[in-house]
Amino acid sequence: QVQLVESGGDSVESGGSLRLSCAASGVTYSRYCMGWFRQAPGKEREEVASIHTDSSTWYADSVKGRFTISRDNAENTVYLQMNSLKVEDTATYYCAAAPVWGEFCGTFRDWGQGTQVTVSS
């Protein structure tokens, strides 16, 4: 019943920046872990970053130091700030929600429709 809508994807040059947004509805947003995933053509979907209800964060090694996940509970929105973009960051990016499971996030089971990020050289 959770609805997630991503926005902010675009085509940018290598080294540029983008900020993705994910608006949530139909959920008590502040009680869910939120995550960003991406999938490139011919590749498996991979988790990029996640943020817990206490705002603790996790990042994939490939994006550490370049991407920042944050959340604004008052606006029911999660963000992914992407800096120093590389061609290999090109993918469809998906927002997802998961129930909390102690210190960890449970299974991400609610997904947005995706937003395309294309990084050119």
N, C-alpha and C. Protein backbone atom coordinates (compact mmCIF):
# COMPACT_ATOMS: atom_id res chain seq x y z
N GLN A 1 0.81 -1.20 0.00
CA GLN A 1 0.00 0.00 0.00
C GLN A 1 0.85 1.26 0.00
N VAL A 2 2.17 1.10 0.10
CA VAL A 2 3.07 2.24 0.08
C VAL A 2 3.28 2.67 -1.37
N GLN A 3 3.12 3.92 -1.62
CA GLN A 3 3.34 4.48 -2.95
C GLN A 3 4.58 5.37 -2.93
N LEU A 4 5.48 5.13 -3.87
CA LEU A 4 6.72 5.88 -3.96
C LEU A 4 6.88 6.42 -5.37
N VAL A 5 7.22 7.67 -5.48
CA VAL A 5 7.39 8.32 -6.77
C VAL A 5 8.73 9.02 -6.81
N GLU A 6 9.61 8.57 -7.71
CA GLU A 6 10.93 9.18 -7.86
C GLU A 6 10.88 10.31 -8.88
N SER A 7 11.79 11.24 -8.72
CA SER A 7 11.96 12.30 -9.69
C SER A 7 13.40 12.81 -9.62
N GLY A 8 13.80 13.56 -10.60
CA GLY A 8 15.11 14.19 -10.60
C GLY A 8 16.12 13.57 -11.54
N GLY A 9 15.80 12.44 -12.14
CA GLY A 9 16.73 11.83 -13.08
C GLY A 9 16.91 12.70 -14.31
N ASP A 10 18.10 12.64 -14.89
CA ASP A 10 18.40 13.48 -16.03
C ASP A 10 19.65 12.95 -16.72
N SER A 11 20.01 13.59 -17.81
CA SER A 11 21.27 13.31 -18.49
C SER A 11 22.28 14.38 -18.13
N VAL A 12 23.43 13.96 -17.63
CA VAL A 12 24.47 14.90 -17.21
C VAL A 12 25.82 14.42 -17.71
N GLU A 13 26.78 15.33 -17.69
CA GLU A 13 28.13 14.98 -18.07
C GLU A 13 28.89 14.40 -16.88
N SER A 14 29.89 13.61 -17.19
CA SER A 14 30.75 13.06 -16.15
C SER A 14 31.29 14.18 -15.26
N GLY A 15 31.25 13.95 -13.95
CA GLY A 15 31.68 14.95 -12.99
C GLY A 15 30.57 15.84 -12.49
N GLY A 16 29.41 15.75 -13.09
CA GLY A 16 28.29 16.57 -12.70
C GLY A 16 27.55 16.02 -11.49
N SER A 17 26.47 16.69 -11.13
CA SER A 17 25.69 16.33 -9.95
C SER A 17 24.21 16.27 -10.27
N LEU A 18 23.50 15.43 -9.53
CA LEU A 18 22.05 15.34 -9.59
C LEU A 18 21.53 15.09 -8.19
N ARG A 19 20.30 15.50 -7.96
CA ARG A 19 19.62 15.19 -6.71
C ARG A 19 18.30 14.50 -7.02
N LEU A 20 18.21 13.25 -6.62
CA LEU A 20 16.99 12.48 -6.81
C LEU A 20 16.08 12.64 -5.60
N SER A 21 14.79 12.66 -5.84
CA SER A 21 13.80 12.76 -4.78
C SER A 21 12.84 11.60 -4.86
N CYS A 22 12.34 11.18 -3.72
CA CYS A 22 11.35 10.11 -3.64
C CYS A 22 10.28 10.53 -2.66
N ALA A 23 9.08 10.73 -3.16
CA ALA A 23 7.95 11.12 -2.34
C ALA A 23 7.13 9.89 -1.97
N ALA A 24 6.84 9.75 -0.69
CA ALA A 24 6.10 8.60 -0.19
C ALA A 24 4.70 9.00 0.24
N SER A 25 3.76 8.11 0.03
CA SER A 25 2.39 8.31 0.48
C SER A 25 1.79 6.97 0.87
N GLY A 26 0.71 7.02 1.64
CA GLY A 26 0.05 5.80 2.07
C GLY A 26 0.84 5.02 3.10
N VAL A 27 1.72 5.69 3.83
CA VAL A 27 2.59 5.03 4.78
C VAL A 27 2.98 6.00 5.89
N THR A 28 3.21 5.45 7.07
CA THR A 28 3.83 6.24 8.13
C THR A 28 5.31 6.28 7.84
N TYR A 29 5.70 7.25 7.05
CA TYR A 29 7.02 7.32 6.45
C TYR A 29 8.15 7.22 7.47
N SER A 30 8.01 7.88 8.59
CA SER A 30 9.09 7.96 9.56
C SER A 30 9.40 6.62 10.21
N ARG A 31 8.56 5.62 10.05
CA ARG A 31 8.76 4.31 10.65
C ARG A 31 9.36 3.30 9.67
N TYR A 32 9.79 3.74 8.51
CA TYR A 32 10.34 2.85 7.50
C TYR A 32 11.79 3.20 7.18
N CYS A 33 12.58 2.17 6.93
CA CYS A 33 13.85 2.36 6.26
C CYS A 33 13.56 2.75 4.81
N MET A 34 14.42 3.58 4.27
CA MET A 34 14.29 3.98 2.88
C MET A 34 15.61 3.70 2.17
N GLY A 35 15.51 3.27 0.93
CA GLY A 35 16.72 2.94 0.19
C GLY A 35 16.65 3.36 -1.26
N TRP A 36 17.82 3.49 -1.85
CA TRP A 36 17.95 3.73 -3.28
C TRP A 36 18.68 2.54 -3.91
N PHE A 37 18.13 2.06 -4.99
CA PHE A 37 18.70 0.98 -5.77
C PHE A 37 18.88 1.45 -7.20
N ARG A 38 19.71 0.75 -7.94
CA ARG A 38 19.86 1.08 -9.35
C ARG A 38 20.05 -0.18 -10.16
N GLN A 39 19.68 -0.10 -11.42
CA GLN A 39 19.83 -1.22 -12.33
C GLN A 39 20.20 -0.70 -13.71
N ALA A 40 21.33 -1.15 -14.21
CA ALA A 40 21.78 -0.82 -15.55
C ALA A 40 21.43 -1.96 -16.49
N PRO A 41 21.31 -1.69 -17.78
CA PRO A 41 20.98 -2.75 -18.74
C PRO A 41 21.97 -3.91 -18.65
N GLY A 42 21.44 -5.13 -18.55
CA GLY A 42 22.27 -6.30 -18.47
C GLY A 42 22.91 -6.54 -17.12
N LYS A 43 22.61 -5.71 -16.14
CA LYS A 43 23.19 -5.83 -14.81
C LYS A 43 22.11 -6.17 -13.79
N GLU A 44 22.54 -6.75 -12.68
CA GLU A 44 21.62 -7.00 -11.58
C GLU A 44 21.32 -5.71 -10.84
N ARG A 45 20.15 -5.66 -10.24
CA ARG A 45 19.80 -4.53 -9.40
C ARG A 45 20.70 -4.52 -8.17
N GLU A 46 21.21 -3.36 -7.81
CA GLU A 46 22.09 -3.25 -6.66
C GLU A 46 21.62 -2.14 -5.73
N GLU A 47 21.84 -2.35 -4.45
CA GLU A 47 21.52 -1.33 -3.46
C GLU A 47 22.63 -0.29 -3.46
N VAL A 48 22.24 0.96 -3.52
CA VAL A 48 23.18 2.07 -3.56
C VAL A 48 23.35 2.68 -2.18
N ALA A 49 22.25 2.95 -1.51
CA ALA A 49 22.29 3.59 -0.20
C ALA A 49 20.98 3.33 0.52
N SER A 50 21.03 3.38 1.84
CA SER A 50 19.83 3.25 2.64
C SER A 50 19.94 4.12 3.88
N ILE A 51 18.80 4.45 4.44
CA ILE A 51 18.77 5.28 5.63
C ILE A 51 17.73 4.72 6.59
N HIS A 52 18.14 4.59 7.85
CA HIS A 52 17.28 4.02 8.87
C HIS A 52 16.39 5.10 9.47
N THR A 53 15.51 4.68 10.36
CA THR A 53 14.61 5.63 11.00
C THR A 53 15.33 6.62 11.90
N ASP A 54 16.53 6.23 12.40
CA ASP A 54 17.32 7.14 13.22
C ASP A 54 18.29 7.96 12.39
N SER A 55 18.17 7.88 11.07
CA SER A 55 18.98 8.60 10.10
C SER A 55 20.38 8.05 9.94
N SER A 56 20.68 6.90 10.54
CA SER A 56 21.94 6.24 10.22
C SER A 56 21.89 5.78 8.77
N THR A 57 23.05 5.72 8.13
CA THR A 57 23.09 5.46 6.69
C THR A 57 24.04 4.33 6.34
N TRP A 58 23.83 3.78 5.17
CA TRP A 58 24.70 2.76 4.59
C TRP A 58 24.89 3.10 3.11
N TYR A 59 26.11 2.87 2.62
CA TYR A 59 26.42 3.14 1.22
C TYR A 59 27.18 1.98 0.60
N ALA A 60 26.89 1.72 -0.65
CA ALA A 60 27.70 0.79 -1.40
C ALA A 60 29.10 1.38 -1.60
N ASP A 61 30.10 0.51 -1.62
CA ASP A 61 31.48 0.98 -1.77
C ASP A 61 31.66 1.82 -3.03
N SER A 62 30.93 1.50 -4.06
CA SER A 62 31.09 2.17 -5.34
C SER A 62 30.66 3.64 -5.31
N VAL A 63 29.88 4.04 -4.30
CA VAL A 63 29.38 5.41 -4.26
C VAL A 63 29.81 6.16 -3.01
N LYS A 64 30.53 5.52 -2.10
CA LYS A 64 30.96 6.18 -0.88
C LYS A 64 31.79 7.42 -1.21
N GLY A 65 31.49 8.50 -0.51
CA GLY A 65 32.20 9.75 -0.72
C GLY A 65 31.63 10.59 -1.84
N ARG A 66 30.73 10.03 -2.62
CA ARG A 66 30.14 10.76 -3.74
C ARG A 66 28.64 10.96 -3.58
N PHE A 67 27.95 9.98 -3.03
CA PHE A 67 26.50 10.04 -2.87
C PHE A 67 26.14 10.25 -1.41
N THR A 68 25.04 10.95 -1.17
CA THR A 68 24.53 11.17 0.17
C THR A 68 23.03 10.95 0.19
N ILE A 69 22.57 10.07 1.07
CA ILE A 69 21.14 9.84 1.25
C ILE A 69 20.67 10.61 2.47
N SER A 70 19.49 11.19 2.38
CA SER A 70 18.92 11.92 3.49
C SER A 70 17.40 11.79 3.43
N ARG A 71 16.76 12.16 4.53
CA ARG A 71 15.30 12.10 4.56
C ARG A 71 14.73 13.30 5.28
N ASP A 72 13.57 13.71 4.83
CA ASP A 72 12.82 14.79 5.43
C ASP A 72 11.47 14.20 5.82
N ASN A 73 11.35 13.82 7.08
CA ASN A 73 10.14 13.13 7.52
C ASN A 73 8.90 14.03 7.44
N ALA A 74 9.07 15.31 7.67
CA ALA A 74 7.94 16.23 7.60
C ALA A 74 7.36 16.28 6.20
N GLU A 75 8.20 16.08 5.19
CA GLU A 75 7.74 16.13 3.81
C GLU A 75 7.56 14.74 3.20
N ASN A 76 7.78 13.68 4.00
CA ASN A 76 7.66 12.30 3.51
C ASN A 76 8.49 12.08 2.25
N THR A 77 9.71 12.56 2.29
CA THR A 77 10.57 12.52 1.12
C THR A 77 11.97 12.04 1.49
N VAL A 78 12.55 11.22 0.63
CA VAL A 78 13.94 10.81 0.77
C VAL A 78 14.70 11.31 -0.45
N TYR A 79 15.95 11.68 -0.25
CA TYR A 79 16.76 12.25 -1.30
C TYR A 79 18.03 11.44 -1.51
N LEU A 80 18.55 11.53 -2.71
CA LEU A 80 19.87 11.00 -3.01
C LEU A 80 20.65 12.08 -3.75
N GLN A 81 21.60 12.69 -3.06
CA GLN A 81 22.47 13.67 -3.68
C GLN A 81 23.64 12.93 -4.31
N MET A 82 23.82 13.10 -5.60
CA MET A 82 24.85 12.39 -6.34
C MET A 82 25.83 13.41 -6.91
N ASN A 83 27.07 13.33 -6.45
CA ASN A 83 28.12 14.22 -6.91
C ASN A 83 29.20 13.41 -7.63
N SER A 84 30.02 14.11 -8.38
CA SER A 84 31.14 13.48 -9.10
C SER A 84 30.67 12.26 -9.88
N LEU A 85 29.61 12.43 -10.62
CA LEU A 85 29.01 11.31 -11.33
C LEU A 85 29.96 10.74 -12.38
N LYS A 86 29.90 9.42 -12.52
CA LYS A 86 30.70 8.69 -13.47
C LYS A 86 29.80 8.01 -14.48
N VAL A 87 30.36 7.67 -15.61
CA VAL A 87 29.60 6.98 -16.65
C VAL A 87 28.99 5.69 -16.09
N GLU A 88 29.72 5.00 -15.23
CA GLU A 88 29.23 3.75 -14.67
C GLU A 88 28.07 3.93 -13.70
N ASP A 89 27.73 5.18 -13.36
CA ASP A 89 26.55 5.44 -12.54
C ASP A 89 25.28 5.43 -13.37
N THR A 90 25.41 5.35 -14.67
CA THR A 90 24.24 5.33 -15.55
C THR A 90 23.36 4.13 -15.23
N ALA A 91 22.10 4.38 -14.93
CA ALA A 91 21.18 3.32 -14.55
C ALA A 91 19.80 3.92 -14.32
N THR A 92 18.83 3.03 -14.17
CA THR A 92 17.54 3.44 -13.66
C THR A 92 17.60 3.34 -12.14
N TYR A 93 17.25 4.40 -11.47
CA TYR A 93 17.33 4.45 -10.02
C TYR A 93 15.93 4.30 -9.42
N TYR A 94 15.84 3.43 -8.43
CA TYR A 94 14.58 3.12 -7.78
C TYR A 94 14.63 3.45 -6.30
N CYS A 95 13.57 4.03 -5.83
CA CYS A 95 13.37 4.25 -4.40
C CYS A 95 12.60 3.07 -3.83
N ALA A 96 12.92 2.68 -2.60
CA ALA A 96 12.24 1.55 -1.98
C ALA A 96 12.09 1.78 -0.48
N ALA A 97 11.09 1.11 0.10
CA ALA A 97 10.81 1.22 1.52
C ALA A 97 10.82 -0.16 2.16
N ALA A 98 11.29 -0.21 3.40
CA ALA A 98 11.34 -1.46 4.15
C ALA A 98 10.95 -1.21 5.60
N PRO A 99 10.29 -2.17 6.23
CA PRO A 99 10.02 -2.04 7.67
C PRO A 99 11.31 -2.18 8.45
N VAL A 100 11.35 -1.59 9.61
CA VAL A 100 12.52 -1.75 10.45
C VAL A 100 12.54 -3.14 11.07
N TRP A 101 13.75 -3.66 11.32
CA TRP A 101 13.92 -4.97 11.92
C TRP A 101 15.07 -4.85 12.91
N GLY A 102 14.76 -4.33 14.06
CA GLY A 102 15.78 -4.03 15.04
C GLY A 102 16.71 -2.95 14.53
N GLU A 103 18.01 -3.23 14.58
CA GLU A 103 19.00 -2.29 14.07
C GLU A 103 19.03 -2.27 12.55
N PHE A 104 18.39 -3.22 11.93
CA PHE A 104 18.50 -3.41 10.49
C PHE A 104 17.19 -3.08 9.80
N CYS A 105 17.28 -2.94 8.50
CA CYS A 105 16.11 -2.80 7.66
C CYS A 105 15.64 -4.18 7.22
N GLY A 106 14.33 -4.34 7.19
CA GLY A 106 13.77 -5.57 6.67
C GLY A 106 13.85 -5.58 5.15
N THR A 107 13.11 -6.48 4.55
CA THR A 107 13.10 -6.60 3.10
C THR A 107 12.46 -5.38 2.46
N PHE A 108 13.15 -4.82 1.47
CA PHE A 108 12.57 -3.73 0.70
C PHE A 108 11.49 -4.31 -0.20
N ARG A 109 10.26 -3.96 0.06
CA ARG A 109 9.14 -4.58 -0.62
C ARG A 109 8.22 -3.61 -1.33
N ASP A 110 8.42 -2.33 -1.15
CA ASP A 110 7.64 -1.32 -1.85
C ASP A 110 8.58 -0.50 -2.70
N TRP A 111 8.21 -0.35 -3.97
CA TRP A 111 9.13 0.23 -4.95
C TRP A 111 8.48 1.33 -5.76
N GLY A 112 9.29 2.31 -6.13
CA GLY A 112 8.85 3.33 -7.05
C GLY A 112 8.99 2.86 -8.48
N GLN A 113 8.62 3.72 -9.41
CA GLN A 113 8.63 3.36 -10.82
C GLN A 113 10.00 3.51 -11.47
N GLY A 114 10.89 4.21 -10.82
CA GLY A 114 12.22 4.42 -11.34
C GLY A 114 12.39 5.74 -12.05
N THR A 115 13.60 6.26 -12.02
CA THR A 115 13.94 7.47 -12.74
C THR A 115 15.31 7.27 -13.39
N GLN A 116 15.44 7.68 -14.62
CA GLN A 116 16.64 7.39 -15.40
C GLN A 116 17.72 8.42 -15.16
N VAL A 117 18.92 7.92 -14.89
CA VAL A 117 20.11 8.76 -14.78
C VAL A 117 21.09 8.32 -15.85
N THR A 118 21.47 9.24 -16.70
CA THR A 118 22.42 8.95 -17.76
C THR A 118 23.61 9.90 -17.63
N VAL A 119 24.79 9.34 -17.51
CA VAL A 119 26.02 10.12 -17.37
C VAL A 119 26.85 9.90 -18.62
N SER A 120 27.16 10.97 -19.31
CA SER A 120 27.93 10.90 -20.53
C SER A 120 29.36 11.32 -20.29
N SER A 121 30.26 10.83 -21.13
CA SER A 121 31.67 11.18 -21.01
C SER A 121 32.01 12.45 -21.74
